[in-house]
């Protein structure tokens, strides 16, 4: 999973490597059940013997969030 993380912050990358280093990216639910820790593209997580749906939320920090803030500032200026 860590190959999908985008950050320029080396500390954030180290944290995400530790948190997601053992998680496999898989495409189907059948693939999901074959791994101890895995995540599908539609956010189904298999971990510690249970499968859970993860609600995809807006970014609360990081590059994607900073982009959201700058778009909001621009839209306020153009009104």
Protein backbone atom coordinates (compact mmCIF):
# COMPACT_ATOMS: atom_id res chain seq x y z
CA UNK A 1 0.00 0.00 0.00
CA UNK A 2 2.83 2.42 0.67
CA UNK A 3 3.44 2.91 -3.05
CA UNK A 4 0.10 4.78 -3.19
CA UNK A 5 1.10 7.35 -0.55
CA UNK A 6 2.17 10.78 -1.80
CA UNK A 7 4.10 12.99 0.61
CA UNK A 8 7.22 15.13 0.67
CA UNK A 9 7.49 14.74 4.46
CA UNK A 10 9.98 12.04 5.38
CA UNK A 11 8.46 11.58 8.85
CA UNK A 12 4.96 11.12 7.45
CA UNK A 13 6.33 8.59 4.92
CA UNK A 14 8.10 6.65 7.69
CA UNK A 15 4.89 6.56 9.74
CA UNK A 16 2.83 5.36 6.77
CA UNK A 17 5.46 2.73 5.89
CA UNK A 18 5.15 1.38 9.41
CA UNK A 19 1.35 1.54 9.49
CA UNK A 20 0.70 0.18 6.00
CA UNK A 21 3.85 -1.81 5.25
CA UNK A 22 2.11 -5.16 5.69
CA UNK A 23 -1.11 -4.27 3.84
CA UNK A 24 -1.55 -5.69 0.33
CA UNK A 25 -3.52 -3.86 -2.37
CA UNK A 26 -5.97 -6.31 -3.99
CA UNK A 27 -8.67 -6.02 -6.63
CA UNK A 28 -11.41 -8.45 -5.57
CA UNK A 29 -13.02 -9.64 -2.37
CA UNK A 30 -11.79 -13.17 -3.12
CA UNK A 31 -8.22 -11.80 -3.22
CA UNK A 32 -8.95 -9.89 -0.02
CA UNK A 33 -9.74 -13.09 1.87
CA UNK A 34 -6.48 -14.73 0.76
CA UNK A 35 -4.29 -12.26 2.67
CA UNK A 36 -3.88 -11.58 6.38
CA UNK A 37 -3.93 -7.77 5.81
CA UNK A 38 -5.29 -6.39 2.55
CA UNK A 39 -7.34 -3.51 1.13
CA UNK A 40 -9.47 -3.32 -2.02
CA UNK A 41 -9.79 -0.21 -4.19
CA UNK A 42 -13.36 0.25 -2.93
CA UNK A 43 -12.02 0.39 0.67
CA UNK A 44 -12.80 -3.08 2.02
CA UNK A 45 -10.17 -3.95 4.64
CA UNK A 46 -9.17 -7.46 5.76
CA UNK A 47 -7.19 -7.36 9.00
CA UNK A 48 -6.87 -9.56 12.06
CA UNK A 49 -9.47 -12.04 10.84
CA UNK A 50 -12.25 -9.56 10.07
CA UNK A 51 -13.40 -7.68 6.98
CA UNK A 52 -14.54 -4.08 7.34
CA UNK A 53 -15.78 -1.38 4.98
CA UNK A 54 -13.86 1.87 5.37
CA UNK A 55 -15.73 5.07 4.63
CA UNK A 56 -13.65 7.21 2.31
CA UNK A 57 -13.39 10.69 3.83
CA UNK A 58 -11.98 13.95 2.57
CA UNK A 59 -8.33 14.45 3.37
CA UNK A 60 -7.86 16.17 6.72
CA UNK A 61 -4.15 16.82 6.27
CA UNK A 62 -1.42 16.56 3.68
CA UNK A 63 -1.02 17.63 0.08
CA UNK A 64 -4.59 16.82 -0.98
CA UNK A 65 -5.99 18.89 1.89
CA UNK A 66 -3.74 21.86 1.13
CA UNK A 67 -5.05 21.76 -2.46
CA UNK A 68 -8.64 21.87 -1.15
CA UNK A 69 -7.86 24.93 0.99
CA UNK A 70 -6.27 26.86 -1.87
CA UNK A 71 -9.29 26.12 -4.11
CA UNK A 72 -11.63 27.43 -1.39
CA UNK A 73 -9.59 30.63 -1.07
CA UNK A 74 -9.67 31.17 -4.84
CA UNK A 75 -13.43 30.59 -5.04
CA UNK A 76 -13.98 33.11 -2.21
CA UNK A 77 -11.86 35.69 -4.05
CA UNK A 78 -13.70 35.25 -7.35
CA UNK A 79 -17.19 35.70 -5.92
